[in-house]
Amino acid sequence: MKSLERKSSDHTGNVHKAAEKAGHEERKSSISRKQAWELLKEYNKEPFHRQHALTVEGVMRWYAKELGYEKEEEFWGITGLLHDIDFECYPEEHCQKAPELLRKAGVSEDMIYAICSHGYGLCSEQEPKLEMEKVLFAVDELTGLIWSCALMRPSKSTLDMETKSLKKKFKDKKFAAGCSREVISQGAQMLGWELDDLFDRTIQAMRSCEADVAEAMEKGC
């Protein structure tokens, strides 16, 4: 019976996603990638925060292509790059200060909403509604957990990481305790995905951008 219910739920979810894409106006970024990077660097000096931003950007670009939003890849990527724009300078006002900083730089309201929605239920009242916003909500914490797992491996890379290894660390609440398992689970639920599916896809996404992120960090660009 559970199997039948899940299939029905999956079918309904697919119908909703197809409808979203059909009636969805293609979104374009109001600022260039270069402008977004300079904006990020203005408010984020710590290498860790820059690396996280670059990682989430790469992951969001991968998901845009994976989920059929290729024409919006730049929008998805820049949203990922800027999602924590206010966190380093204004940690107590995370997702509250962001709109001010972003509007001043000419960022569009749809991107501002998407950025703030990743803090839903924690530091923001903006609920993720579109598939892109739900992906950002789900992968923000998860990328941190995956990278923490990668650093424990001899290779210090996601390239040889398997989903089963990530699942073990996910269950160990003491490991990378700052990465909220509840938020990750909630994100998977929003998307209508099994956790294993979210884990597997996000590992693939991080593999796709790991070299580019490392190169960017080395160049300090």
N, C-alpha and C. Protein backbone atom coordinates (compact mmCIF):
# COMPACT_ATOMS: atom_id res chain seq x y z
N MET A 1 0.82 -1.20 0.00
CA MET A 1 0.00 0.00 0.00
C MET A 1 0.87 1.27 0.00
N LYS A 2 1.95 1.26 0.80
CA LYS A 2 2.84 2.41 0.84
C LYS A 2 3.46 2.67 -0.53
N SER A 3 3.80 1.56 -1.22
CA SER A 3 4.40 1.70 -2.53
C SER A 3 3.45 2.39 -3.50
N LEU A 4 2.16 2.00 -3.46
CA LEU A 4 1.17 2.61 -4.32
C LEU A 4 0.98 4.08 -3.99
N GLU A 5 0.97 4.39 -2.70
CA GLU A 5 0.79 5.77 -2.28
C GLU A 5 1.95 6.63 -2.74
N ARG A 6 3.16 6.08 -2.68
CA ARG A 6 4.32 6.85 -3.08
C ARG A 6 4.28 7.12 -4.58
N LYS A 7 3.87 6.11 -5.36
CA LYS A 7 3.79 6.29 -6.80
C LYS A 7 2.78 7.37 -7.15
N SER A 8 1.65 7.34 -6.46
CA SER A 8 0.62 8.34 -6.70
C SER A 8 1.14 9.72 -6.36
N SER A 9 1.83 9.83 -5.22
CA SER A 9 2.39 11.10 -4.78
C SER A 9 3.43 11.59 -5.77
N ASP A 10 4.30 10.65 -6.25
CA ASP A 10 5.33 11.02 -7.21
C ASP A 10 4.71 11.53 -8.50
N HIS A 11 3.63 10.85 -8.95
CA HIS A 11 2.97 11.26 -10.18
C HIS A 11 2.39 12.67 -10.03
N THR A 12 1.74 12.91 -8.90
CA THR A 12 1.17 14.24 -8.65
C THR A 12 2.26 15.30 -8.62
N GLY A 13 3.37 14.96 -7.95
CA GLY A 13 4.49 15.90 -7.89
C GLY A 13 5.05 16.21 -9.26
N ASN A 14 5.15 15.18 -10.12
CA ASN A 14 5.66 15.38 -11.47
C ASN A 14 4.73 16.26 -12.29
N VAL A 15 3.41 16.06 -12.09
CA VAL A 15 2.43 16.89 -12.79
C VAL A 15 2.59 18.35 -12.38
N HIS A 16 2.74 18.58 -11.07
CA HIS A 16 2.91 19.94 -10.56
C HIS A 16 4.18 20.58 -11.12
N LYS A 17 5.28 19.79 -11.18
CA LYS A 17 6.54 20.32 -11.68
C LYS A 17 6.44 20.64 -13.17
N ALA A 18 5.73 19.76 -13.91
CA ALA A 18 5.56 20.01 -15.34
C ALA A 18 4.74 21.28 -15.56
N ALA A 19 3.72 21.46 -14.72
CA ALA A 19 2.88 22.65 -14.82
C ALA A 19 3.69 23.90 -14.49
N GLU A 20 4.57 23.78 -13.48
CA GLU A 20 5.41 24.92 -13.10
C GLU A 20 6.29 25.33 -14.26
N LYS A 21 6.91 24.35 -14.92
CA LYS A 21 7.79 24.66 -16.04
C LYS A 21 7.02 25.25 -17.21
N ALA A 22 5.82 24.69 -17.47
CA ALA A 22 5.01 25.14 -18.60
C ALA A 22 4.57 26.59 -18.45
N GLY A 23 4.18 26.96 -17.23
CA GLY A 23 3.68 28.31 -17.01
C GLY A 23 4.71 29.24 -16.41
N HIS A 24 5.95 28.83 -16.47
CA HIS A 24 7.02 29.55 -15.79
C HIS A 24 7.77 30.45 -16.75
N GLU A 25 7.82 31.71 -16.45
CA GLU A 25 8.57 32.65 -17.27
C GLU A 25 10.05 32.52 -16.97
N GLU A 26 10.84 32.37 -18.02
CA GLU A 26 12.27 32.19 -17.84
C GLU A 26 12.89 33.36 -17.08
N ARG A 27 13.64 33.04 -16.05
CA ARG A 27 14.24 34.09 -15.22
C ARG A 27 15.69 34.33 -15.60
N LYS A 28 16.03 35.60 -15.68
CA LYS A 28 17.40 35.99 -16.02
C LYS A 28 17.95 36.85 -14.88
N SER A 29 19.23 36.73 -14.64
CA SER A 29 19.85 37.51 -13.59
C SER A 29 19.97 38.97 -14.01
N SER A 30 19.70 39.87 -13.07
CA SER A 30 19.78 41.30 -13.35
C SER A 30 21.21 41.82 -13.20
N ILE A 31 22.11 40.99 -12.68
CA ILE A 31 23.52 41.37 -12.60
C ILE A 31 24.37 40.26 -13.20
N SER A 32 25.55 40.61 -13.66
CA SER A 32 26.44 39.63 -14.26
C SER A 32 27.10 38.76 -13.20
N ARG A 33 27.67 37.69 -13.64
CA ARG A 33 28.36 36.82 -12.70
C ARG A 33 29.56 37.55 -12.07
N LYS A 34 30.27 38.35 -12.88
CA LYS A 34 31.41 39.12 -12.38
C LYS A 34 30.97 40.10 -11.31
N GLN A 35 29.85 40.78 -11.55
CA GLN A 35 29.32 41.73 -10.56
C GLN A 35 28.92 41.01 -9.27
N ALA A 36 28.32 39.84 -9.42
CA ALA A 36 27.89 39.07 -8.26
C ALA A 36 29.10 38.64 -7.42
N TRP A 37 30.17 38.23 -8.09
CA TRP A 37 31.36 37.78 -7.38
C TRP A 37 32.01 38.94 -6.63
N GLU A 38 32.07 40.11 -7.25
CA GLU A 38 32.64 41.28 -6.58
C GLU A 38 31.78 41.68 -5.38
N LEU A 39 30.46 41.55 -5.53
CA LEU A 39 29.55 41.85 -4.43
C LEU A 39 29.76 40.88 -3.28
N LEU A 40 29.90 39.62 -3.59
CA LEU A 40 30.14 38.62 -2.55
C LEU A 40 31.42 38.93 -1.79
N LYS A 41 32.49 39.24 -2.53
CA LYS A 41 33.78 39.50 -1.90
C LYS A 41 33.74 40.74 -1.02
N GLU A 42 32.88 41.69 -1.36
CA GLU A 42 32.78 42.91 -0.56
C GLU A 42 32.32 42.61 0.86
N TYR A 43 31.44 41.64 1.00
CA TYR A 43 30.86 41.33 2.32
C TYR A 43 31.35 40.00 2.91
N ASN A 44 32.16 39.27 2.15
CA ASN A 44 32.66 37.98 2.62
C ASN A 44 34.17 37.90 2.39
N LYS A 45 34.93 38.00 3.47
CA LYS A 45 36.39 37.98 3.39
C LYS A 45 36.96 36.60 3.75
N GLU A 46 36.21 35.83 4.54
CA GLU A 46 36.72 34.53 5.00
C GLU A 46 36.74 33.53 3.84
N PRO A 47 37.88 32.85 3.61
CA PRO A 47 37.97 31.86 2.53
C PRO A 47 36.89 30.77 2.63
N PHE A 48 36.56 30.36 3.86
CA PHE A 48 35.55 29.32 4.04
C PHE A 48 34.21 29.75 3.45
N HIS A 49 33.82 30.98 3.70
CA HIS A 49 32.53 31.47 3.22
C HIS A 49 32.54 31.61 1.70
N ARG A 50 33.65 32.05 1.16
CA ARG A 50 33.75 32.16 -0.30
C ARG A 50 33.70 30.78 -0.95
N GLN A 51 34.39 29.82 -0.36
CA GLN A 51 34.38 28.47 -0.91
C GLN A 51 32.97 27.87 -0.87
N HIS A 52 32.27 28.10 0.23
CA HIS A 52 30.90 27.59 0.34
C HIS A 52 30.01 28.23 -0.73
N ALA A 53 30.17 29.54 -0.93
CA ALA A 53 29.37 30.23 -1.94
C ALA A 53 29.65 29.67 -3.34
N LEU A 54 30.91 29.46 -3.66
CA LEU A 54 31.29 28.91 -4.96
C LEU A 54 30.75 27.49 -5.13
N THR A 55 30.78 26.72 -4.06
CA THR A 55 30.27 25.35 -4.12
C THR A 55 28.78 25.33 -4.38
N VAL A 56 28.04 26.14 -3.63
CA VAL A 56 26.59 26.18 -3.82
C VAL A 56 26.25 26.70 -5.22
N GLU A 57 27.04 27.65 -5.71
CA GLU A 57 26.83 28.12 -7.08
C GLU A 57 26.95 26.97 -8.07
N GLY A 58 28.04 26.21 -7.95
CA GLY A 58 28.28 25.10 -8.87
C GLY A 58 27.20 24.04 -8.78
N VAL A 59 26.78 23.75 -7.56
CA VAL A 59 25.73 22.75 -7.35
C VAL A 59 24.42 23.22 -7.96
N MET A 60 24.09 24.48 -7.79
CA MET A 60 22.85 25.01 -8.36
C MET A 60 22.89 25.01 -9.88
N ARG A 61 24.03 25.28 -10.46
CA ARG A 61 24.15 25.22 -11.92
C ARG A 61 23.93 23.79 -12.41
N TRP A 62 24.48 22.82 -11.69
CA TRP A 62 24.31 21.42 -12.07
C TRP A 62 22.84 21.04 -11.99
N TYR A 63 22.18 21.43 -10.94
CA TYR A 63 20.76 21.10 -10.76
C TYR A 63 19.89 21.78 -11.83
N ALA A 64 20.23 23.00 -12.21
CA ALA A 64 19.46 23.68 -13.25
C ALA A 64 19.44 22.85 -14.53
N LYS A 65 20.60 22.30 -14.88
CA LYS A 65 20.68 21.47 -16.08
C LYS A 65 20.03 20.10 -15.86
N GLU A 66 20.24 19.54 -14.70
CA GLU A 66 19.70 18.22 -14.37
C GLU A 66 18.17 18.23 -14.37
N LEU A 67 17.56 19.30 -13.93
CA LEU A 67 16.11 19.35 -13.76
C LEU A 67 15.38 20.02 -14.92
N GLY A 68 16.12 20.35 -15.98
CA GLY A 68 15.47 20.89 -17.17
C GLY A 68 15.33 22.40 -17.22
N TYR A 69 16.14 23.12 -16.44
CA TYR A 69 16.08 24.58 -16.44
C TYR A 69 17.38 25.16 -17.02
N GLU A 70 17.87 24.55 -18.10
CA GLU A 70 19.16 24.96 -18.66
C GLU A 70 19.23 26.45 -18.97
N LYS A 71 18.12 27.01 -19.44
CA LYS A 71 18.12 28.42 -19.82
C LYS A 71 18.21 29.35 -18.61
N GLU A 72 17.98 28.80 -17.43
CA GLU A 72 18.06 29.61 -16.21
C GLU A 72 19.32 29.31 -15.40
N GLU A 73 20.26 28.63 -16.01
CA GLU A 73 21.46 28.22 -15.26
C GLU A 73 22.15 29.40 -14.59
N GLU A 74 22.27 30.53 -15.30
CA GLU A 74 22.94 31.69 -14.73
C GLU A 74 22.18 32.23 -13.51
N PHE A 75 20.85 32.26 -13.63
CA PHE A 75 20.03 32.73 -12.51
C PHE A 75 20.20 31.81 -11.30
N TRP A 76 20.11 30.52 -11.53
CA TRP A 76 20.28 29.54 -10.44
C TRP A 76 21.67 29.68 -9.81
N GLY A 77 22.69 29.78 -10.67
CA GLY A 77 24.06 29.85 -10.17
C GLY A 77 24.34 31.09 -9.36
N ILE A 78 23.93 32.25 -9.84
CA ILE A 78 24.18 33.50 -9.12
C ILE A 78 23.38 33.55 -7.82
N THR A 79 22.18 32.98 -7.84
CA THR A 79 21.41 32.88 -6.59
C THR A 79 22.18 32.06 -5.57
N GLY A 80 22.76 30.96 -6.00
CA GLY A 80 23.57 30.13 -5.10
C GLY A 80 24.80 30.87 -4.61
N LEU A 81 25.44 31.61 -5.50
CA LEU A 81 26.65 32.35 -5.14
C LEU A 81 26.37 33.40 -4.06
N LEU A 82 25.22 34.04 -4.15
CA LEU A 82 24.91 35.15 -3.24
C LEU A 82 24.02 34.77 -2.06
N HIS A 83 23.72 33.50 -1.91
CA HIS A 83 22.70 33.12 -0.92
C HIS A 83 23.07 33.50 0.52
N ASP A 84 24.37 33.55 0.82
CA ASP A 84 24.81 33.91 2.18
C ASP A 84 25.45 35.29 2.22
N ILE A 85 25.05 36.18 1.34
CA ILE A 85 25.69 37.48 1.19
C ILE A 85 25.86 38.23 2.51
N ASP A 86 24.90 38.10 3.42
CA ASP A 86 24.94 38.89 4.66
C ASP A 86 25.43 38.11 5.88
N PHE A 87 25.77 36.84 5.70
CA PHE A 87 26.02 35.99 6.86
C PHE A 87 27.29 36.35 7.62
N GLU A 88 28.36 36.68 6.89
CA GLU A 88 29.62 36.95 7.58
C GLU A 88 29.59 38.27 8.34
N CYS A 89 29.06 39.31 7.74
CA CYS A 89 29.04 40.63 8.37
C CYS A 89 27.87 40.82 9.33
N TYR A 90 26.77 40.14 9.05
CA TYR A 90 25.55 40.34 9.85
C TYR A 90 24.93 38.99 10.25
N PRO A 91 25.67 38.16 10.97
CA PRO A 91 25.17 36.82 11.30
C PRO A 91 23.86 36.81 12.07
N GLU A 92 23.64 37.84 12.88
CA GLU A 92 22.41 37.90 13.66
C GLU A 92 21.23 38.41 12.82
N GLU A 93 21.53 38.91 11.63
CA GLU A 93 20.48 39.43 10.74
C GLU A 93 20.46 38.66 9.42
N HIS A 94 20.89 37.41 9.48
CA HIS A 94 20.97 36.61 8.25
C HIS A 94 19.60 36.52 7.58
N CYS A 95 19.58 36.80 6.29
CA CYS A 95 18.37 36.83 5.45
C CYS A 95 17.49 38.05 5.74
N GLN A 96 17.85 38.83 6.73
CA GLN A 96 17.12 40.07 7.03
C GLN A 96 17.85 41.27 6.42
N LYS A 97 19.17 41.24 6.49
CA LYS A 97 19.99 42.31 5.93
C LYS A 97 20.20 42.14 4.43
N ALA A 98 20.11 40.92 3.96
CA ALA A 98 20.39 40.59 2.55
C ALA A 98 19.62 41.45 1.56
N PRO A 99 18.30 41.63 1.72
CA PRO A 99 17.56 42.43 0.74
C PRO A 99 18.14 43.83 0.53
N GLU A 100 18.55 44.46 1.61
CA GLU A 100 19.14 45.81 1.52
C GLU A 100 20.42 45.79 0.70
N LEU A 101 21.30 44.84 1.00
CA LEU A 101 22.58 44.75 0.30
C LEU A 101 22.38 44.42 -1.18
N LEU A 102 21.44 43.54 -1.44
CA LEU A 102 21.20 43.08 -2.80
C LEU A 102 20.50 44.15 -3.64
N ARG A 103 19.51 44.81 -3.08
CA ARG A 103 18.81 45.87 -3.83
C ARG A 103 19.78 47.00 -4.19
N LYS A 104 20.67 47.32 -3.27
CA LYS A 104 21.64 48.39 -3.52
C LYS A 104 22.53 48.04 -4.71
N ALA A 105 22.73 46.75 -4.94
CA ALA A 105 23.58 46.30 -6.05
C ALA A 105 22.77 46.03 -7.32
N GLY A 106 21.46 46.27 -7.27
CA GLY A 106 20.64 46.10 -8.46
C GLY A 106 20.12 44.70 -8.70
N VAL A 107 20.12 43.88 -7.66
CA VAL A 107 19.61 42.51 -7.79
C VAL A 107 18.08 42.55 -7.83
N SER A 108 17.50 41.75 -8.70
CA SER A 108 16.05 41.74 -8.90
C SER A 108 15.31 41.12 -7.72
N GLU A 109 14.03 41.46 -7.58
CA GLU A 109 13.23 41.00 -6.45
C GLU A 109 13.02 39.49 -6.46
N ASP A 110 12.93 38.89 -7.65
CA ASP A 110 12.73 37.43 -7.68
C ASP A 110 13.95 36.69 -7.16
N MET A 111 15.14 37.22 -7.45
CA MET A 111 16.35 36.60 -6.92
C MET A 111 16.48 36.86 -5.42
N ILE A 112 16.12 38.05 -4.98
CA ILE A 112 16.17 38.37 -3.55
C ILE A 112 15.25 37.43 -2.77
N TYR A 113 14.05 37.20 -3.30
CA TYR A 113 13.12 36.28 -2.64
C TYR A 113 13.72 34.87 -2.56
N ALA A 114 14.28 34.41 -3.68
CA ALA A 114 14.86 33.07 -3.71
C ALA A 114 15.99 32.93 -2.69
N ILE A 115 16.83 33.96 -2.61
CA ILE A 115 17.95 33.94 -1.67
C ILE A 115 17.43 33.88 -0.23
N CYS A 116 16.48 34.70 0.10
CA CYS A 116 15.97 34.75 1.47
C CYS A 116 15.18 33.49 1.83
N SER A 117 14.61 32.83 0.84
CA SER A 117 13.80 31.64 1.13
C SER A 117 14.62 30.47 1.64
N HIS A 118 15.95 30.52 1.42
CA HIS A 118 16.76 29.38 1.90
C HIS A 118 16.84 29.37 3.43
N GLY A 119 16.46 30.49 4.07
CA GLY A 119 16.46 30.54 5.54
C GLY A 119 15.08 30.33 6.14
N TYR A 120 14.16 29.82 5.34
CA TYR A 120 12.77 29.66 5.78
C TYR A 120 12.67 28.84 7.07
N GLY A 121 11.91 29.39 8.01
CA GLY A 121 11.70 28.69 9.27
C GLY A 121 12.80 28.89 10.29
N LEU A 122 13.89 29.49 9.87
CA LEU A 122 15.03 29.72 10.76
C LEU A 122 15.28 31.22 10.95
N CYS A 123 15.42 31.91 9.83
CA CYS A 123 15.69 33.35 9.90
C CYS A 123 14.93 34.12 8.83
N SER A 124 13.98 33.46 8.21
CA SER A 124 13.22 34.09 7.14
C SER A 124 11.79 33.55 7.11
N GLU A 125 10.86 34.40 6.73
CA GLU A 125 9.47 33.97 6.59
C GLU A 125 9.13 33.64 5.14
N GLN A 126 10.07 33.90 4.23
CA GLN A 126 9.84 33.59 2.82
C GLN A 126 9.91 32.08 2.60
N GLU A 127 8.83 31.51 2.14
CA GLU A 127 8.77 30.06 1.94
C GLU A 127 9.25 29.69 0.53
N PRO A 128 10.09 28.66 0.41
CA PRO A 128 10.48 28.19 -0.92
C PRO A 128 9.24 27.69 -1.67
N LYS A 129 8.99 28.26 -2.83
CA LYS A 129 7.81 27.88 -3.61
C LYS A 129 8.18 27.20 -4.92
N LEU A 130 9.11 27.78 -5.64
CA LEU A 130 9.53 27.21 -6.91
C LEU A 130 10.55 26.10 -6.69
N GLU A 131 10.70 25.24 -7.68
CA GLU A 131 11.62 24.11 -7.54
C GLU A 131 13.04 24.58 -7.25
N MET A 132 13.46 25.66 -7.89
CA MET A 132 14.80 26.17 -7.65
C MET A 132 15.00 26.58 -6.19
N GLU A 133 14.00 27.22 -5.62
CA GLU A 133 14.08 27.66 -4.23
C GLU A 133 14.13 26.46 -3.28
N LYS A 134 13.41 25.41 -3.61
CA LYS A 134 13.42 24.20 -2.78
C LYS A 134 14.77 23.49 -2.87
N VAL A 135 15.36 23.50 -4.06
CA VAL A 135 16.69 22.90 -4.22
C VAL A 135 17.71 23.66 -3.38
N LEU A 136 17.68 24.98 -3.45
CA LEU A 136 18.62 25.78 -2.66
C LEU A 136 18.45 25.51 -1.17
N PHE A 137 17.22 25.45 -0.71
CA PHE A 137 16.93 25.15 0.69
C PHE A 137 17.54 23.81 1.09
N ALA A 138 17.40 22.82 0.22
CA ALA A 138 17.85 21.45 0.53
C ALA A 138 19.37 21.31 0.49
N VAL A 139 20.02 21.96 -0.48
CA VAL A 139 21.44 21.69 -0.68
C VAL A 139 22.37 22.58 0.14
N ASP A 140 21.88 23.69 0.65
CA ASP A 140 22.76 24.60 1.41
C ASP A 140 23.44 23.87 2.56
N GLU A 141 22.65 23.27 3.43
CA GLU A 141 23.22 22.53 4.56
C GLU A 141 23.92 21.25 4.10
N LEU A 142 23.35 20.62 3.07
CA LEU A 142 23.88 19.33 2.63
C LEU A 142 25.27 19.46 2.03
N THR A 143 25.54 20.54 1.30
CA THR A 143 26.88 20.70 0.73
C THR A 143 27.93 20.80 1.82
N GLY A 144 27.56 21.44 2.93
CA GLY A 144 28.48 21.53 4.06
C GLY A 144 28.78 20.16 4.65
N LEU A 145 27.73 19.34 4.78
CA LEU A 145 27.92 18.00 5.33
C LEU A 145 28.75 17.14 4.39
N ILE A 146 28.48 17.23 3.10
CA ILE A 146 29.23 16.43 2.12
C ILE A 146 30.70 16.83 2.12
N TRP A 147 30.98 18.13 2.18
CA TRP A 147 32.37 18.56 2.17
C TRP A 147 33.10 18.14 3.44
N SER A 148 32.40 18.18 4.57
CA SER A 148 33.00 17.70 5.82
C SER A 148 33.35 16.23 5.71
N CYS A 149 32.47 15.46 5.08
CA CYS A 149 32.74 14.04 4.87
C CYS A 149 33.93 13.84 3.94
N ALA A 150 33.99 14.66 2.90
CA ALA A 150 35.08 14.54 1.93
C ALA A 150 36.44 14.79 2.59
N LEU A 151 36.49 15.76 3.49
CA LEU A 151 37.76 16.09 4.15
C LEU A 151 38.25 14.99 5.07
N MET A 152 37.36 14.08 5.44
CA MET A 152 37.74 12.94 6.28
C MET A 152 38.30 11.78 5.46
N ARG A 153 38.16 11.85 4.16
CA ARG A 153 38.62 10.78 3.28
C ARG A 153 40.09 10.98 2.92
N PRO A 154 40.83 9.90 2.64
CA PRO A 154 42.24 10.04 2.23
C PRO A 154 42.40 10.96 1.02
N SER A 155 41.43 10.91 0.10
CA SER A 155 41.50 11.72 -1.11
C SER A 155 41.13 13.18 -0.87
N LYS A 156 40.44 13.43 0.25
CA LYS A 156 39.90 14.75 0.57
C LYS A 156 39.11 15.31 -0.63
N SER A 157 38.32 14.44 -1.20
CA SER A 157 37.57 14.79 -2.40
C SER A 157 36.22 14.10 -2.41
N THR A 158 35.28 14.68 -3.17
CA THR A 158 33.97 14.04 -3.36
C THR A 158 34.01 13.04 -4.51
N LEU A 159 35.10 13.03 -5.27
CA LEU A 159 35.15 12.22 -6.49
C LEU A 159 35.01 10.73 -6.24
N ASP A 160 35.47 10.27 -5.07
CA ASP A 160 35.36 8.85 -4.75
C ASP A 160 34.40 8.59 -3.60
N MET A 161 33.57 9.57 -3.28
CA MET A 161 32.61 9.40 -2.19
C MET A 161 31.38 8.63 -2.66
N GLU A 162 30.87 7.76 -1.81
CA GLU A 162 29.67 7.01 -2.12
C GLU A 162 28.54 7.46 -1.19
N THR A 163 27.32 7.29 -1.68
CA THR A 163 26.16 7.71 -0.90
C THR A 163 26.09 7.01 0.45
N LYS A 164 26.48 5.74 0.50
CA LYS A 164 26.40 5.00 1.76
C LYS A 164 27.30 5.60 2.83
N SER A 165 28.44 6.16 2.43
CA SER A 165 29.33 6.81 3.39
C SER A 165 28.69 8.07 3.94
N LEU A 166 28.02 8.82 3.07
CA LEU A 166 27.33 10.03 3.50
C LEU A 166 26.19 9.69 4.45
N LYS A 167 25.47 8.63 4.16
CA LYS A 167 24.34 8.23 5.01
C LYS A 167 24.80 7.92 6.43
N LYS A 168 25.96 7.29 6.57
CA LYS A 168 26.50 6.98 7.90
C LYS A 168 26.80 8.26 8.67
N LYS A 169 27.40 9.22 8.01
CA LYS A 169 27.72 10.48 8.66
C LYS A 169 26.45 11.28 8.97
N PHE A 170 25.46 11.16 8.11
CA PHE A 170 24.19 11.86 8.33
C PHE A 170 23.54 11.37 9.63
N LYS A 171 23.65 10.08 9.90
CA LYS A 171 23.04 9.50 11.10
C LYS A 171 23.83 9.84 12.36
N ASP A 172 25.10 10.17 12.20
CA ASP A 172 25.95 10.53 13.34
C ASP A 172 25.77 12.03 13.62
N LYS A 173 24.89 12.35 14.54
CA LYS A 173 24.54 13.75 14.79
C LYS A 173 25.70 14.58 15.36
N LYS A 174 26.72 13.89 15.87
CA LYS A 174 27.87 14.62 16.42
C LYS A 174 28.82 15.07 15.32
N PHE A 175 28.75 14.39 14.18
CA PHE A 175 29.64 14.74 13.06
C PHE A 175 29.07 15.97 12.34
N ALA A 176 29.91 16.99 12.15
CA ALA A 176 29.46 18.23 11.48
C ALA A 176 28.11 18.65 12.03
N ALA A 177 28.08 18.80 13.34
CA ALA A 177 26.82 19.07 14.04
C ALA A 177 26.14 20.35 13.58
N GLY A 178 26.90 21.26 13.00
CA GLY A 178 26.32 22.51 12.54
C GLY A 178 25.50 22.38 11.28
N CYS A 179 25.60 21.24 10.61
CA CYS A 179 24.82 20.99 9.40
C CYS A 179 23.50 20.34 9.80
N SER A 180 22.42 21.08 9.72
CA SER A 180 21.13 20.63 10.22
C SER A 180 20.55 19.47 9.43
N ARG A 181 20.43 18.31 10.07
CA ARG A 181 19.79 17.15 9.44
C ARG A 181 18.31 17.42 9.22
N GLU A 182 17.72 18.18 10.13
CA GLU A 182 16.29 18.48 10.01
C GLU A 182 16.01 19.30 8.75
N VAL A 183 16.85 20.31 8.49
CA VAL A 183 16.66 21.14 7.31
C VAL A 183 16.86 20.32 6.04
N ILE A 184 17.89 19.47 6.03
CA ILE A 184 18.15 18.63 4.86
C ILE A 184 16.96 17.71 4.59
N SER A 185 16.45 17.09 5.63
CA SER A 185 15.29 16.21 5.49
C SER A 185 14.06 16.98 5.01
N GLN A 186 13.88 18.17 5.57
CA GLN A 186 12.75 19.01 5.17
C GLN A 186 12.87 19.40 3.70
N GLY A 187 14.10 19.67 3.26
CA GLY A 187 14.32 20.02 1.87
C GLY A 187 13.97 18.88 0.92
N ALA A 188 14.37 17.68 1.30
CA ALA A 188 14.04 16.51 0.47
C ALA A 188 12.53 16.33 0.39
N GLN A 189 11.88 16.54 1.51
CA GLN A 189 10.42 16.41 1.56
C GLN A 189 9.75 17.47 0.69
N MET A 190 10.24 18.69 0.72
CA MET A 190 9.70 19.75 -0.13
C MET A 190 9.76 19.36 -1.60
N LEU A 191 10.88 18.75 -1.97
CA LEU A 191 11.09 18.38 -3.37
C LEU A 191 10.36 17.10 -3.76
N GLY A 192 9.90 16.35 -2.75
CA GLY A 192 9.26 15.07 -3.02
C GLY A 192 10.25 13.99 -3.37
N TRP A 193 11.48 14.11 -2.88
CA TRP A 193 12.54 13.15 -3.15
C TRP A 193 12.85 12.32 -1.92
N GLU A 194 13.34 11.09 -2.16
CA GLU A 194 13.91 10.31 -1.07
C GLU A 194 15.25 10.92 -0.69
N LEU A 195 15.63 10.78 0.57
CA LEU A 195 16.92 11.33 1.01
C LEU A 195 18.08 10.78 0.19
N ASP A 196 18.04 9.48 -0.10
CA ASP A 196 19.11 8.87 -0.88
C ASP A 196 19.26 9.54 -2.24
N ASP A 197 18.14 9.91 -2.83
CA ASP A 197 18.17 10.58 -4.13
C ASP A 197 18.81 11.95 -4.02
N LEU A 198 18.42 12.70 -2.99
CA LEU A 198 19.02 14.01 -2.75
C LEU A 198 20.52 13.88 -2.49
N PHE A 199 20.90 12.89 -1.69
CA PHE A 199 22.31 12.67 -1.39
C PHE A 199 23.10 12.36 -2.67
N ASP A 200 22.58 11.40 -3.44
CA ASP A 200 23.29 10.96 -4.64
C ASP A 200 23.45 12.10 -5.65
N ARG A 201 22.37 12.83 -5.87
CA ARG A 201 22.42 13.91 -6.84
C ARG A 201 23.36 15.02 -6.40
N THR A 202 23.33 15.35 -5.12
CA THR A 202 24.16 16.46 -4.65
C THR A 202 25.64 16.08 -4.63
N ILE A 203 25.94 14.83 -4.37
CA ILE A 203 27.33 14.37 -4.50
C ILE A 203 27.79 14.54 -5.95
N GLN A 204 26.94 14.11 -6.89
CA GLN A 204 27.28 14.28 -8.31
C GLN A 204 27.50 15.75 -8.65
N ALA A 205 26.62 16.60 -8.12
CA ALA A 205 26.72 18.04 -8.39
C ALA A 205 28.03 18.60 -7.86
N MET A 206 28.44 18.16 -6.67
CA MET A 206 29.68 18.66 -6.08
C MET A 206 30.90 18.13 -6.83
N ARG A 207 30.81 16.92 -7.33
CA ARG A 207 31.89 16.39 -8.16
C ARG A 207 32.08 17.26 -9.40
N SER A 208 30.97 17.71 -9.97
CA SER A 208 31.01 18.47 -11.22
C SER A 208 31.72 19.81 -11.08
N CYS A 209 31.73 20.37 -9.88
CA CYS A 209 32.31 21.72 -9.71
C CYS A 209 33.51 21.75 -8.78
N GLU A 210 33.90 20.61 -8.22
CA GLU A 210 34.97 20.60 -7.22
C GLU A 210 36.27 21.20 -7.75
N ALA A 211 36.67 20.82 -8.96
CA ALA A 211 37.92 21.32 -9.53
C ALA A 211 37.85 22.82 -9.79
N ASP A 212 36.72 23.28 -10.29
CA ASP A 212 36.55 24.71 -10.57
C ASP A 212 36.59 25.54 -9.29
N VAL A 213 35.97 25.03 -8.25
CA VAL A 213 35.98 25.74 -6.97
C VAL A 213 37.41 25.82 -6.42
N ALA A 214 38.13 24.70 -6.50
CA ALA A 214 39.51 24.68 -6.00
C ALA A 214 40.38 25.66 -6.78
N GLU A 215 40.20 25.69 -8.09
CA GLU A 215 40.99 26.60 -8.92
C GLU A 215 40.68 28.07 -8.59
N ALA A 216 39.40 28.36 -8.40
CA ALA A 216 38.99 29.73 -8.06
C ALA A 216 39.57 30.16 -6.73
N MET A 217 39.58 29.25 -5.77
CA MET A 217 40.12 29.57 -4.45
C MET A 217 41.63 29.77 -4.50
N GLU A 218 42.30 29.00 -5.33
CA GLU A 218 43.76 29.13 -5.47
C GLU A 218 44.12 30.48 -6.10
N LYS A 219 43.33 30.87 -7.08
CA LYS A 219 43.59 32.13 -7.78
C LYS A 219 43.13 33.33 -6.95
N GLY A 220 42.20 33.06 -6.00
CA GLY A 220 41.66 34.14 -5.21
C GLY A 220 40.84 35.10 -6.04
N CYS A 221 40.23 34.57 -7.11
CA CYS A 221 39.53 35.45 -8.05
C CYS A 221 38.12 35.77 -7.59
